[in-house]
N, C-alpha and C. Protein backbone atom coordinates (compact mmCIF):
# COMPACT_ATOMS: atom_id res chain seq x y z
N VAL A 1 15.79 5.65 -11.32
CA VAL A 1 14.80 4.92 -12.10
C VAL A 1 15.55 4.06 -12.81
N GLU A 2 14.88 2.73 -12.70
CA GLU A 2 15.40 1.64 -13.56
C GLU A 2 14.42 1.28 -14.53
N ASN A 3 14.58 1.61 -15.91
CA ASN A 3 13.74 1.30 -16.92
C ASN A 3 13.99 0.11 -17.56
N VAL A 4 12.86 -0.81 -17.75
CA VAL A 4 13.16 -1.77 -18.87
C VAL A 4 12.39 -1.47 -20.02
N ASP A 5 13.04 -1.34 -21.23
CA ASP A 5 12.59 -0.89 -22.32
C ASP A 5 11.84 -1.89 -22.90
N MET A 6 10.51 -1.65 -23.16
CA MET A 6 9.62 -2.58 -23.91
C MET A 6 8.79 -1.71 -25.10
N THR A 7 8.77 -2.47 -26.16
CA THR A 7 7.90 -1.78 -27.10
C THR A 7 6.33 -2.01 -26.98
N VAL A 8 5.84 -1.28 -25.87
CA VAL A 8 4.30 -1.42 -25.71
C VAL A 8 3.87 -0.04 -25.37
N PRO A 9 2.41 -0.09 -25.64
CA PRO A 9 1.80 1.34 -25.36
C PRO A 9 1.66 1.83 -24.20
N ASN A 10 1.72 0.99 -23.09
CA ASN A 10 1.68 1.53 -21.73
C ASN A 10 2.93 1.37 -21.00
N ALA A 11 3.05 2.11 -19.82
CA ALA A 11 4.23 1.84 -18.95
C ALA A 11 3.69 1.30 -17.62
N SER A 12 4.44 0.27 -17.12
CA SER A 12 3.98 -0.41 -15.86
C SER A 12 5.04 0.52 -14.75
N ILE A 13 4.56 1.01 -13.73
CA ILE A 13 5.56 1.73 -12.80
C ILE A 13 5.36 1.01 -11.24
N SER A 14 6.47 0.81 -10.79
CA SER A 14 6.65 0.29 -9.20
C SER A 14 7.38 1.02 -8.59
N LEU A 15 7.09 1.42 -7.57
CA LEU A 15 8.01 2.11 -6.28
C LEU A 15 8.14 1.17 -5.28
N VAL A 16 9.14 0.75 -4.75
CA VAL A 16 9.27 -0.25 -3.74
C VAL A 16 10.12 0.63 -2.55
N TYR A 17 9.35 0.56 -1.39
CA TYR A 17 9.99 0.90 -0.14
C TYR A 17 10.25 0.00 1.02
N LYS A 18 10.96 0.13 1.51
CA LYS A 18 11.30 -0.73 2.90
C LYS A 18 10.02 -0.97 3.79
N GLY A 19 9.98 -2.23 4.24
CA GLY A 19 8.68 -2.50 4.88
C GLY A 19 8.72 -2.87 6.34
N LEU A 20 8.15 -3.77 6.73
CA LEU A 20 8.34 -4.13 8.16
C LEU A 20 7.80 -5.52 8.21
N SER A 21 8.11 -6.52 9.16
CA SER A 21 7.78 -7.79 9.41
C SER A 21 6.48 -7.77 9.99
N ARG A 22 5.71 -8.92 9.60
CA ARG A 22 4.35 -9.06 10.33
C ARG A 22 4.21 -9.08 11.70
N ASP A 23 5.42 -9.48 12.39
CA ASP A 23 5.49 -9.39 13.96
C ASP A 23 5.66 -8.08 14.65
N ASP A 24 6.08 -7.24 13.56
CA ASP A 24 6.35 -5.80 14.21
C ASP A 24 5.23 -5.47 14.99
N PRO A 25 5.55 -4.68 16.15
CA PRO A 25 4.39 -4.01 16.97
C PRO A 25 3.68 -3.01 16.10
N ASP A 26 4.32 -2.46 15.24
CA ASP A 26 3.63 -1.38 14.57
C ASP A 26 3.01 -1.74 13.16
N PHE A 27 2.86 -3.03 13.00
CA PHE A 27 2.37 -3.72 11.73
C PHE A 27 0.99 -2.85 11.57
N PHE A 28 0.05 -3.00 12.35
CA PHE A 28 -1.30 -2.56 12.04
C PHE A 28 -1.38 -1.08 11.82
N ALA A 29 -0.18 -0.09 12.36
CA ALA A 29 -0.28 1.31 12.09
C ALA A 29 0.41 1.28 10.92
N ALA A 30 1.12 0.75 10.37
CA ALA A 30 1.46 0.83 8.82
C ALA A 30 0.50 0.09 8.03
N HIS A 31 -0.08 -0.92 8.38
CA HIS A 31 -1.15 -1.39 7.64
C HIS A 31 -2.31 -0.24 7.49
N LEU A 32 -3.01 0.26 8.37
CA LEU A 32 -3.75 1.73 8.42
C LEU A 32 -3.30 2.62 7.35
N MET A 33 -1.97 2.96 7.65
CA MET A 33 -1.36 4.07 6.85
C MET A 33 -1.49 3.68 5.43
N ASN A 34 -0.98 2.33 4.93
CA ASN A 34 -1.21 1.89 3.66
C ASN A 34 -2.57 1.96 3.06
N HIS A 35 -3.57 1.52 3.94
CA HIS A 35 -5.01 1.48 3.32
C HIS A 35 -5.32 2.89 2.71
N ILE A 36 -5.08 3.84 3.88
CA ILE A 36 -5.30 5.53 3.38
C ILE A 36 -4.50 5.99 2.12
N LEU A 37 -3.35 5.47 1.99
CA LEU A 37 -2.43 5.83 1.08
C LEU A 37 -2.78 5.10 -0.18
N GLY A 38 -2.86 3.92 -0.39
CA GLY A 38 -3.22 3.27 -1.66
C GLY A 38 -3.71 1.98 -1.41
N GLY A 39 -4.05 1.38 -0.21
CA GLY A 39 -4.57 0.07 -0.24
C GLY A 39 -5.95 -0.02 -0.31
N GLY A 40 -6.47 1.06 -0.03
CA GLY A 40 -8.06 1.14 0.05
C GLY A 40 -8.73 1.45 -1.38
N THR A 41 -7.89 1.08 -2.18
CA THR A 41 -8.35 1.38 -3.83
C THR A 41 -9.16 2.52 -4.12
N PHE A 42 -10.48 2.37 -4.03
CA PHE A 42 -11.44 3.50 -4.66
C PHE A 42 -11.26 4.73 -3.51
N SER A 43 -10.91 4.42 -2.15
CA SER A 43 -11.18 5.55 -1.24
C SER A 43 -9.70 5.95 -0.95
N SER A 44 -8.62 5.47 -1.70
CA SER A 44 -7.22 5.99 -1.08
C SER A 44 -6.76 7.24 -1.73
N ARG A 45 -5.67 8.07 -1.31
CA ARG A 45 -5.34 8.99 -1.77
C ARG A 45 -4.56 8.76 -3.17
N LEU A 46 -3.98 7.65 -3.08
CA LEU A 46 -3.28 7.53 -4.49
C LEU A 46 -4.40 7.59 -5.55
N TYR A 47 -5.43 6.63 -5.45
CA TYR A 47 -6.44 6.55 -6.37
C TYR A 47 -7.25 7.77 -6.77
N ARG A 48 -7.43 8.78 -5.55
CA ARG A 48 -8.04 10.09 -5.93
C ARG A 48 -7.07 10.82 -6.83
N GLU A 49 -5.64 11.02 -6.60
CA GLU A 49 -4.95 11.88 -7.31
C GLU A 49 -4.39 11.32 -8.65
N VAL A 50 -4.49 10.13 -8.63
CA VAL A 50 -3.86 9.48 -10.08
C VAL A 50 -4.88 9.22 -10.94
N ARG A 51 -5.97 8.69 -10.29
CA ARG A 51 -7.03 8.24 -11.29
C ARG A 51 -8.28 9.38 -11.63
N GLU A 52 -8.77 9.70 -10.11
CA GLU A 52 -9.91 10.60 -10.36
C GLU A 52 -9.48 12.14 -10.74
N LYS A 53 -8.50 12.62 -10.18
CA LYS A 53 -8.17 14.05 -10.26
C LYS A 53 -7.51 14.29 -11.80
N ARG A 54 -6.60 13.27 -11.92
CA ARG A 54 -5.65 13.46 -13.38
C ARG A 54 -6.03 12.43 -14.50
N GLY A 55 -6.67 11.42 -14.19
CA GLY A 55 -6.82 10.39 -15.19
C GLY A 55 -5.84 9.94 -15.82
N LEU A 56 -4.76 9.71 -15.13
CA LEU A 56 -3.46 9.23 -15.58
C LEU A 56 -3.51 7.55 -15.58
N ALA A 57 -4.44 7.03 -14.98
CA ALA A 57 -4.44 5.50 -14.80
C ALA A 57 -5.69 5.00 -14.60
N TYR A 58 -6.17 3.77 -14.82
CA TYR A 58 -7.15 3.02 -14.50
C TYR A 58 -7.17 2.66 -13.14
N GLY A 59 -6.14 2.27 -12.70
CA GLY A 59 -5.89 1.80 -10.96
C GLY A 59 -4.46 2.06 -10.51
N VAL A 60 -4.56 2.34 -9.33
CA VAL A 60 -3.18 2.33 -8.63
C VAL A 60 -3.50 2.01 -7.42
N SER A 61 -2.50 1.47 -6.78
CA SER A 61 -2.52 0.79 -5.54
C SER A 61 -1.37 0.68 -4.58
N SER A 62 -1.23 0.50 -3.55
CA SER A 62 -0.10 0.22 -2.69
C SER A 62 -0.27 -1.11 -1.77
N SER A 63 0.76 -1.67 -1.23
CA SER A 63 0.36 -2.88 -0.27
C SER A 63 1.67 -3.01 0.38
N ILE A 64 1.49 -3.71 1.58
CA ILE A 64 2.69 -4.12 2.33
C ILE A 64 2.77 -5.65 2.11
N VAL A 65 3.97 -5.86 1.88
CA VAL A 65 4.27 -7.40 1.64
C VAL A 65 5.22 -7.83 2.58
N THR A 66 4.74 -8.99 3.19
CA THR A 66 5.69 -9.59 4.33
C THR A 66 6.05 -11.00 4.13
N ARG A 67 7.23 -11.28 3.87
CA ARG A 67 7.65 -12.58 3.48
C ARG A 67 8.76 -12.74 4.39
N ALA A 68 9.00 -14.22 4.55
CA ALA A 68 9.98 -14.86 5.39
C ALA A 68 11.25 -14.07 5.51
N ASN A 69 11.81 -13.58 4.29
CA ASN A 69 13.29 -13.14 4.00
C ASN A 69 13.20 -11.66 3.80
N THR A 70 11.91 -11.17 3.42
CA THR A 70 11.85 -9.73 2.95
C THR A 70 10.53 -9.20 3.27
N ASN A 71 10.58 -7.82 3.27
CA ASN A 71 9.36 -7.02 3.61
C ASN A 71 9.44 -5.79 2.99
N TYR A 72 8.27 -5.37 2.31
CA TYR A 72 8.48 -4.20 1.50
C TYR A 72 7.26 -3.55 1.39
N LEU A 73 7.03 -2.39 1.08
CA LEU A 73 5.83 -1.44 0.78
C LEU A 73 5.91 -1.12 -0.87
N ILE A 74 4.94 -1.71 -1.42
CA ILE A 74 5.01 -1.24 -3.07
C ILE A 74 3.85 -0.52 -3.42
N ALA A 75 4.06 0.25 -4.30
CA ALA A 75 2.93 0.97 -5.11
C ALA A 75 3.18 0.77 -6.43
N SER A 76 2.08 0.66 -7.21
CA SER A 76 2.23 0.46 -8.65
C SER A 76 1.08 0.88 -9.30
N THR A 77 1.32 1.16 -10.80
CA THR A 77 0.33 1.46 -11.66
C THR A 77 0.59 0.95 -12.98
N SER A 78 -0.16 1.53 -14.06
CA SER A 78 0.04 1.11 -15.36
C SER A 78 -0.48 2.48 -15.96
N THR A 79 0.10 2.99 -16.86
CA THR A 79 -0.40 4.26 -17.60
C THR A 79 0.20 4.36 -19.02
N ARG A 80 -0.45 5.09 -19.76
CA ARG A 80 0.10 5.36 -21.03
C ARG A 80 1.30 5.96 -21.07
N ALA A 81 2.21 5.60 -22.10
CA ALA A 81 3.63 5.84 -21.97
C ALA A 81 4.03 7.25 -21.68
N GLU A 82 3.16 8.04 -22.33
CA GLU A 82 3.45 9.71 -22.46
C GLU A 82 2.93 10.26 -21.25
N ASN A 83 2.10 9.35 -20.16
CA ASN A 83 1.94 9.86 -18.85
C ASN A 83 2.85 9.28 -17.61
N GLN A 84 3.89 8.69 -17.95
CA GLN A 84 4.37 7.79 -17.09
C GLN A 84 5.23 8.92 -16.19
N GLU A 85 6.00 9.81 -16.65
CA GLU A 85 6.64 10.80 -15.52
C GLU A 85 5.89 11.57 -14.85
N GLU A 86 4.68 11.85 -15.33
CA GLU A 86 3.52 12.44 -14.45
C GLU A 86 3.11 11.68 -13.35
N ALA A 87 2.58 10.38 -13.75
CA ALA A 87 2.22 9.54 -12.91
C ALA A 87 3.14 9.17 -11.70
N LEU A 88 4.34 8.89 -12.22
CA LEU A 88 5.58 8.68 -11.09
C LEU A 88 5.55 9.69 -10.15
N SER A 89 5.77 11.09 -10.77
CA SER A 89 5.75 12.27 -9.85
C SER A 89 4.46 12.25 -8.94
N VAL A 90 3.38 12.17 -9.33
CA VAL A 90 2.13 12.38 -8.45
C VAL A 90 2.17 11.30 -7.37
N ILE A 91 2.75 10.14 -7.69
CA ILE A 91 2.89 8.99 -6.61
C ILE A 91 3.83 9.30 -5.79
N LYS A 92 5.01 9.78 -6.02
CA LYS A 92 6.06 10.22 -5.16
C LYS A 92 5.50 11.44 -4.21
N GLU A 93 4.71 12.32 -5.00
CA GLU A 93 4.25 13.51 -4.11
C GLU A 93 3.51 13.18 -3.13
N GLU A 94 2.47 12.25 -3.40
CA GLU A 94 1.56 11.65 -2.35
C GLU A 94 2.48 10.95 -1.33
N PHE A 95 3.27 10.13 -1.46
CA PHE A 95 4.13 9.43 -0.51
C PHE A 95 4.67 10.47 0.44
N ALA A 96 5.27 11.60 -0.13
CA ALA A 96 6.23 12.43 0.55
C ALA A 96 5.15 13.38 1.51
N LYS A 97 3.86 13.60 0.81
CA LYS A 97 2.84 14.34 1.55
C LYS A 97 2.36 13.66 2.86
N MET A 98 2.12 12.22 2.74
CA MET A 98 1.77 11.49 3.75
C MET A 98 2.96 11.53 4.78
N ALA A 99 4.03 11.17 4.44
CA ALA A 99 5.15 11.39 5.29
C ALA A 99 5.36 12.65 6.15
N ALA A 100 5.02 13.67 5.63
CA ALA A 100 5.36 15.05 6.08
C ALA A 100 4.03 15.57 6.80
N GLU A 101 2.71 15.15 6.27
CA GLU A 101 1.76 15.66 6.78
C GLU A 101 0.80 14.82 7.76
N GLY A 102 1.14 13.50 7.52
CA GLY A 102 0.57 12.34 8.09
C GLY A 102 -1.15 12.23 7.60
N VAL A 103 -1.87 11.61 8.68
CA VAL A 103 -3.43 11.37 8.25
C VAL A 103 -4.03 12.07 9.29
N THR A 104 -5.51 12.33 9.03
CA THR A 104 -6.31 12.94 10.00
C THR A 104 -7.00 11.78 10.62
N GLN A 105 -7.64 12.35 11.85
CA GLN A 105 -8.48 11.30 12.66
C GLN A 105 -9.48 10.72 11.89
N GLU A 106 -10.13 11.58 11.02
CA GLU A 106 -11.20 11.05 10.42
C GLU A 106 -10.76 9.92 9.19
N GLU A 107 -9.69 10.19 8.77
CA GLU A 107 -9.00 9.07 7.49
C GLU A 107 -8.73 7.80 8.55
N LEU A 108 -8.16 7.90 9.54
CA LEU A 108 -7.80 6.88 10.49
C LEU A 108 -9.16 6.22 10.94
N ASP A 109 -10.06 6.70 11.23
CA ASP A 109 -11.49 6.15 11.78
C ASP A 109 -12.15 5.32 10.80
N GLN A 110 -12.03 6.10 9.47
CA GLN A 110 -12.66 5.38 8.10
C GLN A 110 -11.90 3.99 7.79
N ALA A 111 -10.38 4.25 7.87
CA ALA A 111 -9.48 3.21 7.62
C ALA A 111 -9.88 2.10 8.66
N LYS A 112 -9.96 2.37 9.98
CA LYS A 112 -10.25 1.25 10.91
C LYS A 112 -11.57 0.59 10.73
N LYS A 113 -12.35 1.40 10.45
CA LYS A 113 -13.86 0.75 10.10
C LYS A 113 -13.77 -0.16 8.93
N TYR A 114 -13.19 0.13 7.98
CA TYR A 114 -13.15 -0.61 6.72
C TYR A 114 -12.40 -1.80 6.84
N VAL A 115 -11.16 -1.73 7.39
CA VAL A 115 -10.14 -2.88 7.65
C VAL A 115 -10.77 -3.68 8.68
N SER A 116 -11.39 -3.45 9.56
CA SER A 116 -12.09 -4.38 10.77
C SER A 116 -13.27 -5.16 10.03
N GLY A 117 -14.19 -4.24 9.31
CA GLY A 117 -15.39 -4.72 8.84
C GLY A 117 -15.32 -5.65 7.66
N SER A 118 -14.28 -5.38 6.94
CA SER A 118 -14.08 -6.25 5.63
C SER A 118 -13.27 -7.42 5.66
N TYR A 119 -12.81 -7.80 6.70
CA TYR A 119 -11.68 -9.00 7.15
C TYR A 119 -12.75 -10.22 6.86
N ALA A 120 -13.86 -10.42 7.37
CA ALA A 120 -14.60 -11.61 7.15
C ALA A 120 -14.90 -11.85 5.64
N ILE A 121 -15.43 -10.71 5.15
CA ILE A 121 -15.92 -10.76 3.66
C ILE A 121 -14.77 -10.97 2.81
N ASN A 122 -13.46 -10.49 3.05
CA ASN A 122 -12.43 -10.65 2.15
C ASN A 122 -11.49 -11.85 2.46
N ASN A 123 -11.83 -12.39 3.65
CA ASN A 123 -10.90 -13.53 3.87
C ASN A 123 -11.54 -14.82 4.43
N LEU A 124 -12.87 -14.83 4.61
CA LEU A 124 -13.44 -16.04 5.29
C LEU A 124 -14.67 -16.38 4.29
N ASP A 125 -14.96 -16.15 3.05
CA ASP A 125 -16.12 -16.24 2.55
C ASP A 125 -16.05 -17.44 1.50
N THR A 126 -14.80 -18.20 1.37
CA THR A 126 -14.75 -19.39 0.67
C THR A 126 -13.85 -20.45 1.37
N SER A 127 -13.94 -21.72 1.26
CA SER A 127 -12.92 -22.69 1.86
C SER A 127 -11.76 -22.46 1.51
N GLY A 128 -11.22 -22.13 0.43
CA GLY A 128 -9.77 -21.89 -0.01
C GLY A 128 -9.30 -20.54 0.88
N LYS A 129 -10.08 -19.50 1.00
CA LYS A 129 -9.64 -18.40 1.66
C LYS A 129 -9.53 -18.69 3.23
N ILE A 130 -10.51 -19.62 3.58
CA ILE A 130 -10.26 -19.91 4.96
C ILE A 130 -9.18 -20.70 5.39
N ALA A 131 -8.68 -21.65 4.28
CA ALA A 131 -7.40 -22.45 4.46
C ALA A 131 -6.34 -21.49 4.40
N ARG A 132 -6.48 -20.51 3.37
CA ARG A 132 -5.28 -19.50 3.64
C ARG A 132 -4.98 -18.85 4.92
N VAL A 133 -6.00 -18.40 5.48
CA VAL A 133 -6.05 -17.75 6.97
C VAL A 133 -5.40 -18.58 7.76
N LEU A 134 -5.77 -19.90 7.78
CA LEU A 134 -5.42 -20.74 8.76
C LEU A 134 -3.89 -21.11 8.68
N VAL A 135 -3.52 -21.18 7.54
CA VAL A 135 -1.98 -21.42 7.00
C VAL A 135 -1.37 -20.07 7.52
N ALA A 136 -1.69 -18.83 7.23
CA ALA A 136 -1.17 -17.84 7.62
C ALA A 136 -1.12 -17.64 9.26
N LEU A 137 -2.15 -17.92 9.84
CA LEU A 137 -1.97 -17.99 11.19
C LEU A 137 -0.59 -18.90 11.99
N GLN A 138 -0.46 -19.77 11.08
CA GLN A 138 0.79 -20.58 11.30
C GLN A 138 1.95 -20.17 11.10
N THR A 139 1.92 -19.90 9.68
CA THR A 139 3.24 -19.46 9.10
C THR A 139 3.67 -17.93 9.64
N GLU A 140 2.94 -17.23 10.13
CA GLU A 140 3.00 -15.94 10.54
C GLU A 140 3.27 -15.82 12.04
N SER A 141 2.99 -17.00 12.73
CA SER A 141 2.88 -17.06 14.07
C SER A 141 1.81 -15.98 14.78
N LEU A 142 0.72 -15.77 14.06
CA LEU A 142 -0.33 -14.84 14.60
C LEU A 142 -1.03 -15.37 15.90
N GLY A 143 -1.05 -16.74 16.03
CA GLY A 143 -1.77 -17.11 17.24
C GLY A 143 -3.21 -17.46 16.84
N ILE A 144 -3.64 -18.73 17.73
CA ILE A 144 -4.85 -19.21 17.44
C ILE A 144 -6.21 -18.19 17.72
N ASP A 145 -6.02 -17.23 18.62
CA ASP A 145 -6.78 -16.29 18.75
C ASP A 145 -6.76 -14.92 17.97
N TYR A 146 -5.95 -14.95 16.84
CA TYR A 146 -5.81 -13.74 16.12
C TYR A 146 -7.06 -13.24 15.45
N ILE A 147 -8.02 -14.10 14.95
CA ILE A 147 -9.12 -13.32 14.28
C ILE A 147 -9.96 -12.67 15.44
N ASN A 148 -10.08 -13.23 16.67
CA ASN A 148 -10.67 -12.39 17.63
C ASN A 148 -9.83 -11.42 18.36
N THR A 149 -8.77 -11.24 18.21
CA THR A 149 -7.94 -10.22 18.84
C THR A 149 -7.57 -8.97 17.81
N ARG A 150 -7.60 -9.45 16.64
CA ARG A 150 -7.36 -8.51 15.42
C ARG A 150 -8.18 -7.05 15.49
N VAL A 151 -9.16 -6.96 15.71
CA VAL A 151 -10.10 -5.68 15.91
C VAL A 151 -9.38 -5.00 17.17
N LYS A 152 -9.14 -5.46 18.01
CA LYS A 152 -8.49 -4.73 19.24
C LYS A 152 -7.40 -4.14 18.86
N GLN A 153 -6.40 -4.88 18.31
CA GLN A 153 -5.05 -4.60 17.89
C GLN A 153 -5.13 -3.11 16.77
N ILE A 154 -6.31 -3.38 15.95
CA ILE A 154 -6.56 -2.09 15.01
C ILE A 154 -7.00 -1.11 15.74
N GLU A 155 -8.05 -1.21 16.75
CA GLU A 155 -8.54 -0.15 17.35
C GLU A 155 -7.59 0.61 18.34
N ALA A 156 -6.22 -0.08 18.71
CA ALA A 156 -5.53 0.49 19.60
C ALA A 156 -4.67 1.56 18.88
N VAL A 157 -4.51 1.37 17.64
CA VAL A 157 -3.76 2.20 16.77
C VAL A 157 -4.30 3.86 16.75
N THR A 158 -3.29 4.67 17.04
CA THR A 158 -3.66 6.01 17.03
C THR A 158 -3.06 6.96 15.90
N VAL A 159 -3.48 7.92 15.70
CA VAL A 159 -3.10 8.88 14.55
C VAL A 159 -1.63 9.13 14.69
N GLU A 160 -1.23 9.26 15.95
CA GLU A 160 0.32 9.39 16.38
C GLU A 160 1.18 8.15 15.87
N ASP A 161 0.79 6.82 16.06
CA ASP A 161 1.21 5.78 15.50
C ASP A 161 1.54 5.69 13.93
N VAL A 162 0.34 5.96 13.27
CA VAL A 162 0.17 6.05 11.81
C VAL A 162 1.24 7.13 11.35
N ASN A 163 1.10 8.30 11.88
CA ASN A 163 2.10 9.09 11.36
C ASN A 163 3.45 9.03 11.55
N ARG A 164 3.92 8.08 12.79
CA ARG A 164 5.16 7.82 12.97
C ARG A 164 5.92 6.95 11.87
N MET A 165 4.84 6.08 11.61
CA MET A 165 5.23 5.06 10.37
C MET A 165 5.27 5.49 9.21
N ALA A 166 4.48 6.44 8.97
CA ALA A 166 4.47 6.98 7.69
C ALA A 166 5.92 7.68 7.48
N ARG A 167 6.39 8.53 8.57
CA ARG A 167 7.59 9.25 8.56
C ARG A 167 8.77 8.10 8.56
N LYS A 168 8.70 7.06 9.34
CA LYS A 168 9.74 6.03 9.17
C LYS A 168 9.73 5.25 7.59
N LEU A 169 8.65 4.99 7.31
CA LEU A 169 8.73 4.21 6.02
C LEU A 169 8.64 5.06 4.62
N LEU A 170 8.25 6.08 4.74
CA LEU A 170 8.12 6.91 3.62
C LEU A 170 9.05 8.01 3.26
N THR A 171 9.82 8.27 4.00
CA THR A 171 10.91 9.40 3.97
C THR A 171 12.33 8.88 3.33
N VAL A 172 12.42 7.61 2.81
CA VAL A 172 13.58 7.20 2.13
C VAL A 172 13.23 7.27 0.52
N ASP A 173 14.24 7.17 -0.12
CA ASP A 173 13.93 7.21 -1.74
C ASP A 173 13.67 5.73 -2.02
N PRO A 174 12.66 5.46 -2.98
CA PRO A 174 12.16 4.08 -3.24
C PRO A 174 13.20 3.73 -4.37
N THR A 175 13.05 2.46 -4.66
CA THR A 175 13.55 1.75 -5.76
C THR A 175 12.41 2.00 -6.77
N VAL A 176 12.65 2.62 -7.98
CA VAL A 176 11.62 2.51 -8.95
C VAL A 176 12.06 1.91 -10.09
N VAL A 177 11.10 1.01 -10.67
CA VAL A 177 11.11 0.31 -11.77
C VAL A 177 9.99 0.73 -12.70
N THR A 178 10.43 0.89 -14.03
CA THR A 178 9.29 1.01 -14.98
C THR A 178 9.58 0.10 -16.02
N LEU A 179 8.36 -0.41 -16.61
CA LEU A 179 8.50 -1.31 -17.90
C LEU A 179 7.71 -0.63 -18.91
N GLY A 180 8.29 -0.50 -20.04
CA GLY A 180 7.60 0.23 -21.23
C GLY A 180 8.59 0.94 -22.00
N PRO A 181 7.90 1.77 -22.84
CA PRO A 181 8.91 2.67 -23.62
C PRO A 181 10.02 3.47 -22.89
N ALA A 182 11.26 3.55 -23.35
CA ALA A 182 12.25 4.22 -22.61
C ALA A 182 11.87 5.91 -23.03
N LYS A 183 12.13 6.59 -22.08
CA LYS A 183 11.83 8.05 -22.45
C LYS A 183 12.71 8.35 -23.55
N GLU A 184 12.26 9.25 -24.51
CA GLU A 184 13.12 9.63 -25.69
C GLU A 184 13.96 10.82 -25.22
N GLN A 185 15.03 10.70 -25.82
CA GLN A 185 16.35 11.64 -25.42
C GLN A 185 16.12 12.92 -26.63
N ASN A 186 16.08 14.14 -25.93
CA ASN A 186 16.20 15.43 -26.97
C ASN A 186 17.44 15.85 -27.32
């Protein structure tokens, strides 16, 4: 854990794992895994465990980031300084649980439904968002028919695909960075 000591009341926590490129054939399996883990905000495992069950943070999430020269999966939250170690522990536990136990068919079905159905609302409701999608189609070489083929690609993902990606991506030690008060030495 790398801590950047700052005199602030809250600590920001980020865990970074190796990701995968956007053109990887398993991208949607990883995307759905991430949605269930922490990308689905209010419905995600991280949200339930960190916010709802323990009240450690207002929000917690994870996302898959794909860039030209780097790809990673990141989970992050901000919590009161005294809750920093517990929040970090809970997040790590959820990642380990996902890697070891995987997801259920019900979780995957719900994730597929949401990820498929929310695309237009989240990405095509303003001219700026439409422009970003069109640029992404080109820069990420997704193809002109991506919007039409996307749902078929999502529907083709199986529980086994998602669980394989969880084992692949989440079984390594993450890089952990915290910003906030350093832990007091006893």
